[in-house]
Amino acid sequence: MKRPNSTSKYNMSISTQELINELKRAEKLLFDLRFKKATRQPFKSHEIKLNKKKIATLKNILRDKV
């Protein structure tokens, strides 16, 4: 079942490989942010939430494309 337009940032015309690359970048950034949190380095805590939402959006787009 297709979802309503929740893909305002990411156009459906983007290739699957580009989406996968963007997803890998977002997951790496999330890992880095969590690592900074665990080691008590300075970071912007709101970026964790934003990045998790970005990853979820990318995964939804990839699922709908397949």
C-alpha atoms as a PDB file:
ATOM      1  CA  MET A   1       0.000   0.000   0.000  1.00  0.00           C
ATOM      2  CA  LYS A   2       1.428   3.363  -1.018  1.00  0.00           C
ATOM      3  CA  ARG A   3       1.676   6.059   1.604  1.00  0.00           C
ATOM      4  CA  PRO A   4       0.619   9.655   0.986  1.00  0.00           C
ATOM      5  CA  ASN A   5       3.321  12.131  -0.001  1.00  0.00           C
ATOM      6  CA  SER A   6       5.644  11.888   2.978  1.00  0.00           C
ATOM      7  CA  THR A   7       8.623  12.270   0.651  1.00  0.00           C
ATOM      8  CA  SER A   8       8.744  16.014   0.229  1.00  0.00           C
ATOM      9  CA  LYS A   9      12.539  16.217   0.634  1.00  0.00           C
ATOM     10  CA  TYR A  10      13.362  13.161  -1.439  1.00  0.00           C
ATOM     11  CA  ASN A  11      11.892  13.029  -4.892  1.00  0.00           C
ATOM     12  CA  MET A  12      10.876   9.584  -6.137  1.00  0.00           C
ATOM     13  CA  SER A  13      12.966  10.188  -9.264  1.00  0.00           C
ATOM     14  CA  ILE A  14      16.180   9.675  -7.279  1.00  0.00           C
ATOM     15  CA  SER A  15      17.805   6.369  -8.171  1.00  0.00           C
ATOM     16  CA  THR A  16      17.784   3.471  -5.748  1.00  0.00           C
ATOM     17  CA  GLN A  17      21.579   3.493  -5.505  1.00  0.00           C
ATOM     18  CA  GLU A  18      21.603   7.185  -4.539  1.00  0.00           C
ATOM     19  CA  LEU A  19      19.013   6.477  -1.843  1.00  0.00           C
ATOM     20  CA  ILE A  20      21.099   3.603  -0.498  1.00  0.00           C
ATOM     21  CA  ASN A  21      24.197   5.826  -0.402  1.00  0.00           C
ATOM     22  CA  GLU A  22      22.275   8.555   1.420  1.00  0.00           C
ATOM     23  CA  LEU A  23      20.967   5.974   3.895  1.00  0.00           C
ATOM     24  CA  LYS A  24      24.498   4.729   4.596  1.00  0.00           C
ATOM     25  CA  ARG A  25      25.677   8.308   5.205  1.00  0.00           C
ATOM     26  CA  ALA A  26      22.780   8.970   7.576  1.00  0.00           C
ATOM     27  CA  GLU A  27      23.406   5.749   9.513  1.00  0.00           C
ATOM     28  CA  LYS A  28      27.107   6.590   9.852  1.00  0.00           C
ATOM     29  CA  LEU A  29      26.258  10.082  11.104  1.00  0.00           C
ATOM     30  CA  LEU A  30      23.839   8.614  13.649  1.00  0.00           C
ATOM     31  CA  PHE A  31      26.548   6.214  14.831  1.00  0.00           C
ATOM     32  CA  ASP A  32      29.002   9.095  15.188  1.00  0.00           C
ATOM     33  CA  LEU A  33      26.481  11.147  17.162  1.00  0.00           C
ATOM     34  CA  ARG A  34      25.763   8.241  19.511  1.00  0.00           C
ATOM     35  CA  PHE A  35      29.494   7.670  19.940  1.00  0.00           C
ATOM     36  CA  LYS A  36      29.985  11.330  20.855  1.00  0.00           C
ATOM     37  CA  LYS A  37      27.159  11.049  23.369  1.00  0.00           C
ATOM     38  CA  ALA A  38      28.661   7.937  24.946  1.00  0.00           C
ATOM     39  CA  THR A  39      32.105   9.511  25.239  1.00  0.00           C
ATOM     40  CA  ARG A  40      30.646  12.793  26.528  1.00  0.00           C
ATOM     41  CA  GLN A  41      31.986  14.864  23.671  1.00  0.00           C
ATOM     42  CA  PRO A  42      30.093  18.012  22.694  1.00  0.00           C
ATOM     43  CA  PHE A  43      27.342  17.433  20.133  1.00  0.00           C
ATOM     44  CA  LYS A  44      23.932  18.773  19.221  1.00  0.00           C
ATOM     45  CA  SER A  45      21.425  16.426  20.826  1.00  0.00           C
ATOM     46  CA  HIS A  46      18.567  17.372  18.505  1.00  0.00           C
ATOM     47  CA  GLU A  47      20.533  16.005  15.548  1.00  0.00           C
ATOM     48  CA  ILE A  48      20.015  12.445  16.805  1.00  0.00           C
ATOM     49  CA  LYS A  49      16.246  12.796  16.535  1.00  0.00           C
ATOM     50  CA  LEU A  50      16.413  14.486  13.134  1.00  0.00           C
ATOM     51  CA  ASN A  51      18.770  11.850  11.781  1.00  0.00           C
ATOM     52  CA  LYS A  52      16.575   8.983  12.997  1.00  0.00           C
ATOM     53  CA  LYS A  53      13.625  10.536  11.167  1.00  0.00           C
ATOM     54  CA  LYS A  54      15.723  10.934   8.027  1.00  0.00           C
ATOM     55  CA  ILE A  55      16.712   7.265   8.150  1.00  0.00           C
ATOM     56  CA  ALA A  56      13.084   6.201   8.595  1.00  0.00           C
ATOM     57  CA  THR A  57      12.022   8.346   5.629  1.00  0.00           C
ATOM     58  CA  LEU A  58      14.736   6.908   3.406  1.00  0.00           C
ATOM     59  CA  LYS A  59      13.819   3.352   4.385  1.00  0.00           C
ATOM     60  CA  ASN A  60      10.157   4.053   3.584  1.00  0.00           C
ATOM     61  CA  ILE A  61      11.044   5.438   0.169  1.00  0.00           C
ATOM     62  CA  LEU A  62      13.246   2.444  -0.590  1.00  0.00           C
ATOM     63  CA  ARG A  63      10.473   0.078   0.469  1.00  0.00           C
ATOM     64  CA  ASP A  64       7.936   1.838  -1.747  1.00  0.00           C
ATOM     65  CA  LYS A  65      10.292   1.803  -4.744  1.00  0.00           C
ATOM     66  CA  VAL A  66      10.740  -1.978  -4.611  1.00  0.00           C
END
